[in-house]
Amino acid sequence: GERVVFDLEPFLFQSLVVKEKEFRQ
């Protein structure tokens, strides 16, 4: 099977923090 990485970095605000509302959306 194909192995892939799901990177959380694109979902972070300014690549630093999680803004919950935007993250969930």
mmCIF file of all heavy atoms, coordinates in Angstrom:
data_MODEL
# 
_entry.id   MODEL 
# 
loop_
_atom_site.group_PDB 
_atom_site.id 
_atom_site.type_symbol 
_atom_site.label_atom_id 
_atom_site.label_alt_id 
_atom_site.label_comp_id 
_atom_site.label_asym_id 
_atom_site.label_entity_id 
_atom_site.label_seq_id 
_atom_site.pdbx_PDB_ins_code 
_atom_site.Cartn_x 
_atom_site.Cartn_y 
_atom_site.Cartn_z 
_atom_site.occupancy 
_atom_site.B_iso_or_equiv 
_atom_site.pdbx_formal_charge 
_atom_site.auth_seq_id 
_atom_site.auth_comp_id 
_atom_site.auth_asym_id 
_atom_site.auth_atom_id 
_atom_site.pdbx_PDB_model_num 
ATOM 1   N N   . GLY A 1 1  ? 0.823   -1.193 0.000  1.00 0.00 ? 1  GLY A N   1 
ATOM 2   C CA  . GLY A 1 1  ? 0.000   0.000  0.000  1.00 0.00 ? 1  GLY A CA  1 
ATOM 3   C C   . GLY A 1 1  ? 0.856   1.240  0.000  1.00 0.00 ? 1  GLY A C   1 
ATOM 4   O O   . GLY A 1 1  ? 2.020   1.216  0.406  1.00 0.00 ? 1  GLY A O   1 
ATOM 5   N N   . GLU A 1 2  ? 0.269   2.312  -0.468 1.00 0.00 ? 2  GLU A N   1 
ATOM 6   C CA  . GLU A 1 2  ? 0.990   3.580  -0.520 1.00 0.00 ? 2  GLU A CA  1 
ATOM 7   C C   . GLU A 1 2  ? 1.086   4.195  0.869  1.00 0.00 ? 2  GLU A C   1 
ATOM 8   O O   . GLU A 1 2  ? 0.097   4.317  1.578  1.00 0.00 ? 2  GLU A O   1 
ATOM 9   C CB  . GLU A 1 2  ? 0.271   4.549  -1.468 1.00 0.00 ? 2  GLU A CB  1 
ATOM 10  C CG  . GLU A 1 2  ? 1.008   5.848  -1.677 1.00 0.00 ? 2  GLU A CG  1 
ATOM 11  C CD  . GLU A 1 2  ? 0.286   6.788  -2.628 1.00 0.00 ? 2  GLU A CD  1 
ATOM 12  O OE1 . GLU A 1 2  ? -0.715  6.377  -3.240 1.00 0.00 ? 2  GLU A OE1 1 
ATOM 13  O OE2 . GLU A 1 2  ? 0.726   7.943  -2.730 1.00 0.00 ? 2  GLU A OE2 1 
ATOM 14  N N   . ARG A 1 3  ? 2.283   4.588  1.233  1.00 0.00 ? 3  ARG A N   1 
ATOM 15  C CA  . ARG A 1 3  ? 2.532   5.214  2.527  1.00 0.00 ? 3  ARG A CA  1 
ATOM 16  C C   . ARG A 1 3  ? 2.629   6.727  2.330  1.00 0.00 ? 3  ARG A C   1 
ATOM 17  O O   . ARG A 1 3  ? 3.424   7.181  1.504  1.00 0.00 ? 3  ARG A O   1 
ATOM 18  C CB  . ARG A 1 3  ? 3.822   4.665  3.132  1.00 0.00 ? 3  ARG A CB  1 
ATOM 19  C CG  . ARG A 1 3  ? 3.682   3.238  3.654  1.00 0.00 ? 3  ARG A CG  1 
ATOM 20  C CD  . ARG A 1 3  ? 4.872   2.392  3.233  1.00 0.00 ? 3  ARG A CD  1 
ATOM 21  N NE  . ARG A 1 3  ? 4.930   1.102  3.888  1.00 0.00 ? 3  ARG A NE  1 
ATOM 22  C CZ  . ARG A 1 3  ? 4.303   0.021  3.455  1.00 0.00 ? 3  ARG A CZ  1 
ATOM 23  N NH1 . ARG A 1 3  ? 3.540   0.069  2.388  1.00 0.00 ? 3  ARG A NH1 1 
ATOM 24  N NH2 . ARG A 1 3  ? 4.414   -1.120 4.111  1.00 0.00 ? 3  ARG A NH2 1 
ATOM 25  N N   . VAL A 1 4  ? 1.844   7.474  3.094  1.00 0.00 ? 4  VAL A N   1 
ATOM 26  C CA  . VAL A 1 4  ? 1.833   8.931  2.976  1.00 0.00 ? 4  VAL A CA  1 
ATOM 27  C C   . VAL A 1 4  ? 1.846   9.571  4.354  1.00 0.00 ? 4  VAL A C   1 
ATOM 28  O O   . VAL A 1 4  ? 1.477   8.955  5.350  1.00 0.00 ? 4  VAL A O   1 
ATOM 29  C CB  . VAL A 1 4  ? 0.599   9.446  2.193  1.00 0.00 ? 4  VAL A CB  1 
ATOM 30  C CG1 . VAL A 1 4  ? 0.638   8.983  0.751  1.00 0.00 ? 4  VAL A CG1 1 
ATOM 31  C CG2 . VAL A 1 4  ? -0.683  9.033  2.852  1.00 0.00 ? 4  VAL A CG2 1 
ATOM 32  N N   . VAL A 1 5  ? 2.275   10.838 4.377  1.00 0.00 ? 5  VAL A N   1 
ATOM 33  C CA  . VAL A 1 5  ? 2.279   11.621 5.612  1.00 0.00 ? 5  VAL A CA  1 
ATOM 34  C C   . VAL A 1 5  ? 1.153   12.637 5.527  1.00 0.00 ? 5  VAL A C   1 
ATOM 35  O O   . VAL A 1 5  ? 1.005   13.326 4.519  1.00 0.00 ? 5  VAL A O   1 
ATOM 36  C CB  . VAL A 1 5  ? 3.629   12.343 5.814  1.00 0.00 ? 5  VAL A CB  1 
ATOM 37  C CG1 . VAL A 1 5  ? 3.562   13.282 6.996  1.00 0.00 ? 5  VAL A CG1 1 
ATOM 38  C CG2 . VAL A 1 5  ? 4.742   11.346 5.986  1.00 0.00 ? 5  VAL A CG2 1 
ATOM 39  N N   . PHE A 1 6  ? 0.356   12.721 6.593  1.00 0.00 ? 6  PHE A N   1 
ATOM 40  C CA  . PHE A 1 6  ? -0.632  13.784 6.727  1.00 0.00 ? 6  PHE A CA  1 
ATOM 41  C C   . PHE A 1 6  ? 0.001   14.816 7.638  1.00 0.00 ? 6  PHE A C   1 
ATOM 42  O O   . PHE A 1 6  ? 0.163   14.590 8.839  1.00 0.00 ? 6  PHE A O   1 
ATOM 43  C CB  . PHE A 1 6  ? -1.947  13.262 7.310  1.00 0.00 ? 6  PHE A CB  1 
ATOM 44  C CG  . PHE A 1 6  ? -2.992  14.325 7.436  1.00 0.00 ? 6  PHE A CG  1 
ATOM 45  C CD1 . PHE A 1 6  ? -3.751  14.703 6.347  1.00 0.00 ? 6  PHE A CD1 1 
ATOM 46  C CD2 . PHE A 1 6  ? -3.198  14.960 8.650  1.00 0.00 ? 6  PHE A CD2 1 
ATOM 47  C CE1 . PHE A 1 6  ? -4.704  15.699 6.463  1.00 0.00 ? 6  PHE A CE1 1 
ATOM 48  C CE2 . PHE A 1 6  ? -4.150  15.954 8.779  1.00 0.00 ? 6  PHE A CE2 1 
ATOM 49  C CZ  . PHE A 1 6  ? -4.904  16.331 7.681  1.00 0.00 ? 6  PHE A CZ  1 
ATOM 50  N N   . ASP A 1 7  ? 0.385   15.953 7.050  1.00 0.00 ? 7  ASP A N   1 
ATOM 51  C CA  . ASP A 1 7  ? 1.097   17.001 7.782  1.00 0.00 ? 7  ASP A CA  1 
ATOM 52  C C   . ASP A 1 7  ? 0.099   18.022 8.318  1.00 0.00 ? 7  ASP A C   1 
ATOM 53  O O   . ASP A 1 7  ? -0.718  18.555 7.566  1.00 0.00 ? 7  ASP A O   1 
ATOM 54  C CB  . ASP A 1 7  ? 2.103   17.673 6.860  1.00 0.00 ? 7  ASP A CB  1 
ATOM 55  C CG  . ASP A 1 7  ? 3.073   18.580 7.587  1.00 0.00 ? 7  ASP A CG  1 
ATOM 56  O OD1 . ASP A 1 7  ? 3.023   18.647 8.828  1.00 0.00 ? 7  ASP A OD1 1 
ATOM 57  O OD2 . ASP A 1 7  ? 3.887   19.220 6.896  1.00 0.00 ? 7  ASP A OD2 1 
ATOM 58  N N   . LEU A 1 8  ? 0.173   18.303 9.608  1.00 0.00 ? 8  LEU A N   1 
ATOM 59  C CA  . LEU A 1 8  ? -0.719  19.278 10.229 1.00 0.00 ? 8  LEU A CA  1 
ATOM 60  C C   . LEU A 1 8  ? -0.280  20.723 9.995  1.00 0.00 ? 8  LEU A C   1 
ATOM 61  O O   . LEU A 1 8  ? -1.052  21.653 10.228 1.00 0.00 ? 8  LEU A O   1 
ATOM 62  C CB  . LEU A 1 8  ? -0.814  19.019 11.740 1.00 0.00 ? 8  LEU A CB  1 
ATOM 63  C CG  . LEU A 1 8  ? -1.491  17.723 12.162 1.00 0.00 ? 8  LEU A CG  1 
ATOM 64  C CD1 . LEU A 1 8  ? -1.413  17.567 13.676 1.00 0.00 ? 8  LEU A CD1 1 
ATOM 65  C CD2 . LEU A 1 8  ? -2.922  17.668 11.698 1.00 0.00 ? 8  LEU A CD2 1 
ATOM 66  N N   . GLU A 1 9  ? 0.933   20.931 9.532  1.00 0.00 ? 9  GLU A N   1 
ATOM 67  C CA  . GLU A 1 9  ? 1.487   22.278 9.373  1.00 0.00 ? 9  GLU A CA  1 
ATOM 68  C C   . GLU A 1 9  ? 0.619   23.203 8.514  1.00 0.00 ? 9  GLU A C   1 
ATOM 69  O O   . GLU A 1 9  ? 0.413   24.363 8.894  1.00 0.00 ? 9  GLU A O   1 
ATOM 70  C CB  . GLU A 1 9  ? 2.916   22.198 8.819  1.00 0.00 ? 9  GLU A CB  1 
ATOM 71  C CG  . GLU A 1 9  ? 3.670   23.505 8.850  1.00 0.00 ? 9  GLU A CG  1 
ATOM 72  C CD  . GLU A 1 9  ? 3.482   24.312 7.579  1.00 0.00 ? 9  GLU A CD  1 
ATOM 73  O OE1 . GLU A 1 9  ? 3.223   23.713 6.521  1.00 0.00 ? 9  GLU A OE1 1 
ATOM 74  O OE2 . GLU A 1 9  ? 3.569   25.545 7.663  1.00 0.00 ? 9  GLU A OE2 1 
ATOM 75  N N   . PRO A 1 10 ? 0.072   22.767 7.378  1.00 0.00 ? 10 PRO A N   1 
ATOM 76  C CA  . PRO A 1 10 ? -0.758  23.680 6.574  1.00 0.00 ? 10 PRO A CA  1 
ATOM 77  C C   . PRO A 1 10 ? -2.034  24.155 7.280  1.00 0.00 ? 10 PRO A C   1 
ATOM 78  O O   . PRO A 1 10 ? -2.645  25.140 6.866  1.00 0.00 ? 10 PRO A O   1 
ATOM 79  C CB  . PRO A 1 10 ? -1.111  22.858 5.337  1.00 0.00 ? 10 PRO A CB  1 
ATOM 80  C CG  . PRO A 1 10 ? -0.131  21.760 5.288  1.00 0.00 ? 10 PRO A CG  1 
ATOM 81  C CD  . PRO A 1 10 ? 0.275   21.497 6.701  1.00 0.00 ? 10 PRO A CD  1 
ATOM 82  N N   . PHE A 1 11 ? -2.434  23.490 8.332  1.00 0.00 ? 11 PHE A N   1 
ATOM 83  C CA  . PHE A 1 11 ? -3.662  23.827 9.046  1.00 0.00 ? 11 PHE A CA  1 
ATOM 84  C C   . PHE A 1 11 ? -3.415  24.762 10.233 1.00 0.00 ? 11 PHE A C   1 
ATOM 85  O O   . PHE A 1 11 ? -4.353  25.143 10.926 1.00 0.00 ? 11 PHE A O   1 
ATOM 86  C CB  . PHE A 1 11 ? -4.368  22.558 9.515  1.00 0.00 ? 11 PHE A CB  1 
ATOM 87  C CG  . PHE A 1 11 ? -4.672  21.613 8.394  1.00 0.00 ? 11 PHE A CG  1 
ATOM 88  C CD1 . PHE A 1 11 ? -3.845  20.534 8.132  1.00 0.00 ? 11 PHE A CD1 1 
ATOM 89  C CD2 . PHE A 1 11 ? -5.775  21.815 7.588  1.00 0.00 ? 11 PHE A CD2 1 
ATOM 90  C CE1 . PHE A 1 11 ? -4.115  19.668 7.088  1.00 0.00 ? 11 PHE A CE1 1 
ATOM 91  C CE2 . PHE A 1 11 ? -6.058  20.962 6.538  1.00 0.00 ? 11 PHE A CE2 1 
ATOM 92  C CZ  . PHE A 1 11 ? -5.225  19.882 6.284  1.00 0.00 ? 11 PHE A CZ  1 
ATOM 93  N N   . LEU A 1 12 ? -2.157  25.107 10.467 1.00 0.00 ? 12 LEU A N   1 
ATOM 94  C CA  . LEU A 1 12 ? -1.804  25.974 11.585 1.00 0.00 ? 12 LEU A CA  1 
ATOM 95  C C   . LEU A 1 12 ? -1.856  27.438 11.170 1.00 0.00 ? 12 LEU A C   1 
ATOM 96  O O   . LEU A 1 12 ? -1.582  27.785 10.021 1.00 0.00 ? 12 LEU A O   1 
ATOM 97  C CB  . LEU A 1 12 ? -0.395  25.648 12.086 1.00 0.00 ? 12 LEU A CB  1 
ATOM 98  C CG  . LEU A 1 12 ? -0.137  24.226 12.565 1.00 0.00 ? 12 LEU A CG  1 
ATOM 99  C CD1 . LEU A 1 12 ? 1.311   24.078 12.974 1.00 0.00 ? 12 LEU A CD1 1 
ATOM 100 C CD2 . LEU A 1 12 ? -1.068  23.845 13.676 1.00 0.00 ? 12 LEU A CD2 1 
ATOM 101 N N   . PHE A 1 13 ? -2.171  28.294 12.108 1.00 0.00 ? 13 PHE A N   1 
ATOM 102 C CA  . PHE A 1 13 ? -2.155  29.738 11.878 1.00 0.00 ? 13 PHE A CA  1 
ATOM 103 C C   . PHE A 1 13 ? -0.708  30.197 11.897 1.00 0.00 ? 13 PHE A C   1 
ATOM 104 O O   . PHE A 1 13 ? -0.002  30.009 12.896 1.00 0.00 ? 13 PHE A O   1 
ATOM 105 C CB  . PHE A 1 13 ? -2.982  30.452 12.956 1.00 0.00 ? 13 PHE A CB  1 
ATOM 106 C CG  . PHE A 1 13 ? -2.958  31.940 12.852 1.00 0.00 ? 13 PHE A CG  1 
ATOM 107 C CD1 . PHE A 1 13 ? -3.604  32.590 11.816 1.00 0.00 ? 13 PHE A CD1 1 
ATOM 108 C CD2 . PHE A 1 13 ? -2.277  32.692 13.796 1.00 0.00 ? 13 PHE A CD2 1 
ATOM 109 C CE1 . PHE A 1 13 ? -3.580  33.967 11.717 1.00 0.00 ? 13 PHE A CE1 1 
ATOM 110 C CE2 . PHE A 1 13 ? -2.254  34.076 13.715 1.00 0.00 ? 13 PHE A CE2 1 
ATOM 111 C CZ  . PHE A 1 13 ? -2.902  34.718 12.664 1.00 0.00 ? 13 PHE A CZ  1 
ATOM 112 N N   . GLN A 1 14 ? -0.247  30.756 10.791 1.00 0.00 ? 14 GLN A N   1 
ATOM 113 C CA  . GLN A 1 14 ? 1.125   31.223 10.615 1.00 0.00 ? 14 GLN A CA  1 
ATOM 114 C C   . GLN A 1 14 ? 2.149   30.130 10.933 1.00 0.00 ? 14 GLN A C   1 
ATOM 115 O O   . GLN A 1 14 ? 3.246   30.407 11.407 1.00 0.00 ? 14 GLN A O   1 
ATOM 116 C CB  . GLN A 1 14 ? 1.393   32.479 11.440 1.00 0.00 ? 14 GLN A CB  1 
ATOM 117 C CG  . GLN A 1 14 ? 0.568   33.663 11.016 1.00 0.00 ? 14 GLN A CG  1 
ATOM 118 C CD  . GLN A 1 14 ? 0.871   34.914 11.822 1.00 0.00 ? 14 GLN A CD  1 
ATOM 119 O OE1 . GLN A 1 14 ? 1.577   34.889 12.827 1.00 0.00 ? 14 GLN A OE1 1 
ATOM 120 N NE2 . GLN A 1 14 ? 0.314   36.036 11.363 1.00 0.00 ? 14 GLN A NE2 1 
ATOM 121 N N   . SER A 1 15 ? 1.782   28.885 10.689 1.00 0.00 ? 15 SER A N   1 
ATOM 122 C CA  . SER A 1 15 ? 2.638   27.711 10.943 1.00 0.00 ? 15 SER A CA  1 
ATOM 123 C C   . SER A 1 15 ? 3.120   27.620 12.381 1.00 0.00 ? 15 SER A C   1 
ATOM 124 O O   . SER A 1 15 ? 4.142   27.010 12.659 1.00 0.00 ? 15 SER A O   1 
ATOM 125 C CB  . SER A 1 15 ? 3.845   27.710 10.005 1.00 0.00 ? 15 SER A CB  1 
ATOM 126 O OG  . SER A 1 15 ? 3.435   27.610 8.674  1.00 0.00 ? 15 SER A OG  1 
ATOM 127 N N   . LEU A 1 16 ? 2.369   28.250 13.304 1.00 0.00 ? 16 LEU A N   1 
ATOM 128 C CA  . LEU A 1 16 ? 2.805   28.269 14.695 1.00 0.00 ? 16 LEU A CA  1 
ATOM 129 C C   . LEU A 1 16 ? 1.802   27.691 15.675 1.00 0.00 ? 16 LEU A C   1 
ATOM 130 O O   . LEU A 1 16 ? 2.179   26.954 16.586 1.00 0.00 ? 16 LEU A O   1 
ATOM 131 C CB  . LEU A 1 16 ? 3.125   29.712 15.129 1.00 0.00 ? 16 LEU A CB  1 
ATOM 132 C CG  . LEU A 1 16 ? 4.321   30.364 14.479 1.00 0.00 ? 16 LEU A CG  1 
ATOM 133 C CD1 . LEU A 1 16 ? 4.411   31.822 14.887 1.00 0.00 ? 16 LEU A CD1 1 
ATOM 134 C CD2 . LEU A 1 16 ? 5.591   29.631 14.866 1.00 0.00 ? 16 LEU A CD2 1 
ATOM 135 N N   . VAL A 1 17 ? 0.542   28.056 15.534 1.00 0.00 ? 17 VAL A N   1 
ATOM 136 C CA  . VAL A 1 17 ? -0.451  27.682 16.539 1.00 0.00 ? 17 VAL A CA  1 
ATOM 137 C C   . VAL A 1 17 ? -1.722  27.150 15.881 1.00 0.00 ? 17 VAL A C   1 
ATOM 138 O O   . VAL A 1 17 ? -2.011  27.433 14.722 1.00 0.00 ? 17 VAL A O   1 
ATOM 139 C CB  . VAL A 1 17 ? -0.825  28.878 17.447 1.00 0.00 ? 17 VAL A CB  1 
ATOM 140 C CG1 . VAL A 1 17 ? 0.350   29.331 18.265 1.00 0.00 ? 17 VAL A CG1 1 
ATOM 141 C CG2 . VAL A 1 17 ? -1.396  30.010 16.641 1.00 0.00 ? 17 VAL A CG2 1 
ATOM 142 N N   . VAL A 1 18 ? -2.491  26.422 16.675 1.00 0.00 ? 18 VAL A N   1 
ATOM 143 C CA  . VAL A 1 18 ? -3.789  25.937 16.249 1.00 0.00 ? 18 VAL A CA  1 
ATOM 144 C C   . VAL A 1 18 ? -4.849  26.939 16.692 1.00 0.00 ? 18 VAL A C   1 
ATOM 145 O O   . VAL A 1 18 ? -4.947  27.250 17.878 1.00 0.00 ? 18 VAL A O   1 
ATOM 146 C CB  . VAL A 1 18 ? -4.094  24.550 16.874 1.00 0.00 ? 18 VAL A CB  1 
ATOM 147 C CG1 . VAL A 1 18 ? -5.504  24.115 16.552 1.00 0.00 ? 18 VAL A CG1 1 
ATOM 148 C CG2 . VAL A 1 18 ? -3.087  23.519 16.405 1.00 0.00 ? 18 VAL A CG2 1 
ATOM 149 N N   . LYS A 1 19 ? -5.576  27.468 15.736 1.00 0.00 ? 19 LYS A N   1 
ATOM 150 C CA  . LYS A 1 19 ? -6.760  28.265 16.049 1.00 0.00 ? 19 LYS A CA  1 
ATOM 151 C C   . LYS A 1 19 ? -7.928  27.301 15.859 1.00 0.00 ? 19 LYS A C   1 
ATOM 152 O O   . LYS A 1 19 ? -8.244  26.916 14.746 1.00 0.00 ? 19 LYS A O   1 
ATOM 153 C CB  . LYS A 1 19 ? -6.878  29.472 15.119 1.00 0.00 ? 19 LYS A CB  1 
ATOM 154 C CG  . LYS A 1 19 ? -5.876  30.559 15.401 1.00 0.00 ? 19 LYS A CG  1 
ATOM 155 C CD  . LYS A 1 19 ? -6.029  31.699 14.424 1.00 0.00 ? 19 LYS A CD  1 
ATOM 156 C CE  . LYS A 1 19 ? -6.706  32.864 15.088 1.00 0.00 ? 19 LYS A CE  1 
ATOM 157 N NZ  . LYS A 1 19 ? -6.809  34.027 14.156 1.00 0.00 ? 19 LYS A NZ  1 
ATOM 158 N N   . GLU A 1 20 ? -8.527  26.903 16.968 1.00 0.00 ? 20 GLU A N   1 
ATOM 159 C CA  . GLU A 1 20 ? -9.452  25.782 16.950 1.00 0.00 ? 20 GLU A CA  1 
ATOM 160 C C   . GLU A 1 20 ? -10.573 25.917 15.923 1.00 0.00 ? 20 GLU A C   1 
ATOM 161 O O   . GLU A 1 20 ? -10.844 24.981 15.176 1.00 0.00 ? 20 GLU A O   1 
ATOM 162 C CB  . GLU A 1 20 ? -10.046 25.551 18.340 1.00 0.00 ? 20 GLU A CB  1 
ATOM 163 C CG  . GLU A 1 20 ? -10.919 24.315 18.390 1.00 0.00 ? 20 GLU A CG  1 
ATOM 164 C CD  . GLU A 1 20 ? -11.384 23.951 19.779 1.00 0.00 ? 20 GLU A CD  1 
ATOM 165 O OE1 . GLU A 1 20 ? -10.997 24.622 20.759 1.00 0.00 ? 20 GLU A OE1 1 
ATOM 166 O OE2 . GLU A 1 20 ? -12.146 22.980 19.889 1.00 0.00 ? 20 GLU A OE2 1 
ATOM 167 N N   . LYS A 1 21 ? -11.231 27.029 15.885 1.00 0.00 ? 21 LYS A N   1 
ATOM 168 C CA  . LYS A 1 21 ? -12.371 27.192 14.982 1.00 0.00 ? 21 LYS A CA  1 
ATOM 169 C C   . LYS A 1 21 ? -11.946 27.008 13.516 1.00 0.00 ? 21 LYS A C   1 
ATOM 170 O O   . LYS A 1 21 ? -12.572 26.256 12.769 1.00 0.00 ? 21 LYS A O   1 
ATOM 171 C CB  . LYS A 1 21 ? -13.010 28.559 15.185 1.00 0.00 ? 21 LYS A CB  1 
ATOM 172 C CG  . LYS A 1 21 ? -14.291 28.755 14.432 1.00 0.00 ? 21 LYS A CG  1 
ATOM 173 C CD  . LYS A 1 21 ? -14.934 30.088 14.782 1.00 0.00 ? 21 LYS A CD  1 
ATOM 174 C CE  . LYS A 1 21 ? -16.251 30.246 14.030 1.00 0.00 ? 21 LYS A CE  1 
ATOM 175 N NZ  . LYS A 1 21 ? -16.899 31.515 14.351 1.00 0.00 ? 21 LYS A NZ  1 
ATOM 176 N N   . GLU A 1 22 ? -10.862 27.679 13.119 1.00 0.00 ? 22 GLU A N   1 
ATOM 177 C CA  . GLU A 1 22 ? -10.373 27.581 11.744 1.00 0.00 ? 22 GLU A CA  1 
ATOM 178 C C   . GLU A 1 22 ? -9.823  26.178 11.452 1.00 0.00 ? 22 GLU A C   1 
ATOM 179 O O   . GLU A 1 22 ? -9.998  25.647 10.356 1.00 0.00 ? 22 GLU A O   1 
ATOM 180 C CB  . GLU A 1 22 ? -9.293  28.635 11.473 1.00 0.00 ? 22 GLU A CB  1 
ATOM 181 C CG  . GLU A 1 22 ? -9.818  30.048 11.402 1.00 0.00 ? 22 GLU A CG  1 
ATOM 182 C CD  . GLU A 1 22 ? -9.939  30.716 12.769 1.00 0.00 ? 22 GLU A CD  1 
ATOM 183 O OE1 . GLU A 1 22 ? -9.684  30.066 13.806 1.00 0.00 ? 22 GLU A OE1 1 
ATOM 184 O OE2 . GLU A 1 22 ? -10.315 31.900 12.799 1.00 0.00 ? 22 GLU A OE2 1 
ATOM 185 N N   . PHE A 1 23 ? -9.166  25.602 12.436 1.00 0.00 ? 23 PHE A N   1 
ATOM 186 C CA  . PHE A 1 23 ? -8.605  24.263 12.292 1.00 0.00 ? 23 PHE A CA  1 
ATOM 187 C C   . PHE A 1 23 ? -9.716  23.254 12.018 1.00 0.00 ? 23 PHE A C   1 
ATOM 188 O O   . PHE A 1 23 ? -9.640  22.471 11.075 1.00 0.00 ? 23 PHE A O   1 
ATOM 189 C CB  . PHE A 1 23 ? -7.833  23.898 13.567 1.00 0.00 ? 23 PHE A CB  1 
ATOM 190 C CG  . PHE A 1 23 ? -7.057  22.620 13.481 1.00 0.00 ? 23 PHE A CG  1 
ATOM 191 C CD1 . PHE A 1 23 ? -5.786  22.607 12.947 1.00 0.00 ? 23 PHE A CD1 1 
ATOM 192 C CD2 . PHE A 1 23 ? -7.590  21.433 13.962 1.00 0.00 ? 23 PHE A CD2 1 
ATOM 193 C CE1 . PHE A 1 23 ? -5.051  21.432 12.877 1.00 0.00 ? 23 PHE A CE1 1 
ATOM 194 C CE2 . PHE A 1 23 ? -6.871  20.251 13.905 1.00 0.00 ? 23 PHE A CE2 1 
ATOM 195 C CZ  . PHE A 1 23 ? -5.602  20.252 13.358 1.00 0.00 ? 23 PHE A CZ  1 
ATOM 196 N N   . ARG A 1 24 ? -10.745 23.281 12.834 1.00 0.00 ? 24 ARG A N   1 
ATOM 197 C CA  . ARG A 1 24 ? -11.870 22.355 12.653 1.00 0.00 ? 24 ARG A CA  1 
ATOM 198 C C   . ARG A 1 24 ? -12.588 22.597 11.325 1.00 0.00 ? 24 ARG A C   1 
ATOM 199 O O   . ARG A 1 24 ? -12.985 21.650 10.652 1.00 0.00 ? 24 ARG A O   1 
ATOM 200 C CB  . ARG A 1 24 ? -12.849 22.472 13.822 1.00 0.00 ? 24 ARG A CB  1 
ATOM 201 C CG  . ARG A 1 24 ? -12.309 21.893 15.117 1.00 0.00 ? 24 ARG A CG  1 
ATOM 202 C CD  . ARG A 1 24 ? -13.339 21.990 16.238 1.00 0.00 ? 24 ARG A CD  1 
ATOM 203 N NE  . ARG A 1 24 ? -12.823 21.487 17.479 1.00 0.00 ? 24 ARG A NE  1 
ATOM 204 C CZ  . ARG A 1 24 ? -12.842 20.204 17.849 1.00 0.00 ? 24 ARG A CZ  1 
ATOM 205 N NH1 . ARG A 1 24 ? -13.352 19.303 17.047 1.00 0.00 ? 24 ARG A NH1 1 
ATOM 206 N NH2 . ARG A 1 24 ? -12.354 19.833 19.016 1.00 0.00 ? 24 ARG A NH2 1 
ATOM 207 N N   . GLN A 1 25 ? -12.741 23.854 10.940 1.00 0.00 ? 25 GLN A N   1 
ATOM 208 C CA  . GLN A 1 25 ? -13.412 24.173 9.680  1.00 0.00 ? 25 GLN A CA  1 
ATOM 209 C C   . GLN A 1 25 ? -12.597 23.672 8.485  1.00 0.00 ? 25 GLN A C   1 
ATOM 210 O O   . GLN A 1 25 ? -13.159 23.130 7.529  1.00 0.00 ? 25 GLN A O   1 
ATOM 211 C CB  . GLN A 1 25 ? -13.662 25.677 9.542  1.00 0.00 ? 25 GLN A CB  1 
ATOM 212 C CG  . GLN A 1 25 ? -14.486 26.043 8.331  1.00 0.00 ? 25 GLN A CG  1 
ATOM 213 C CD  . GLN A 1 25 ? -15.874 25.401 8.356  1.00 0.00 ? 25 GLN A CD  1 
ATOM 214 O OE1 . GLN A 1 25 ? -16.571 25.438 9.363  1.00 0.00 ? 25 GLN A OE1 1 
ATOM 215 N NE2 . GLN A 1 25 ? -16.254 24.803 7.246  1.00 0.00 ? 25 GLN A NE2 1 
# 
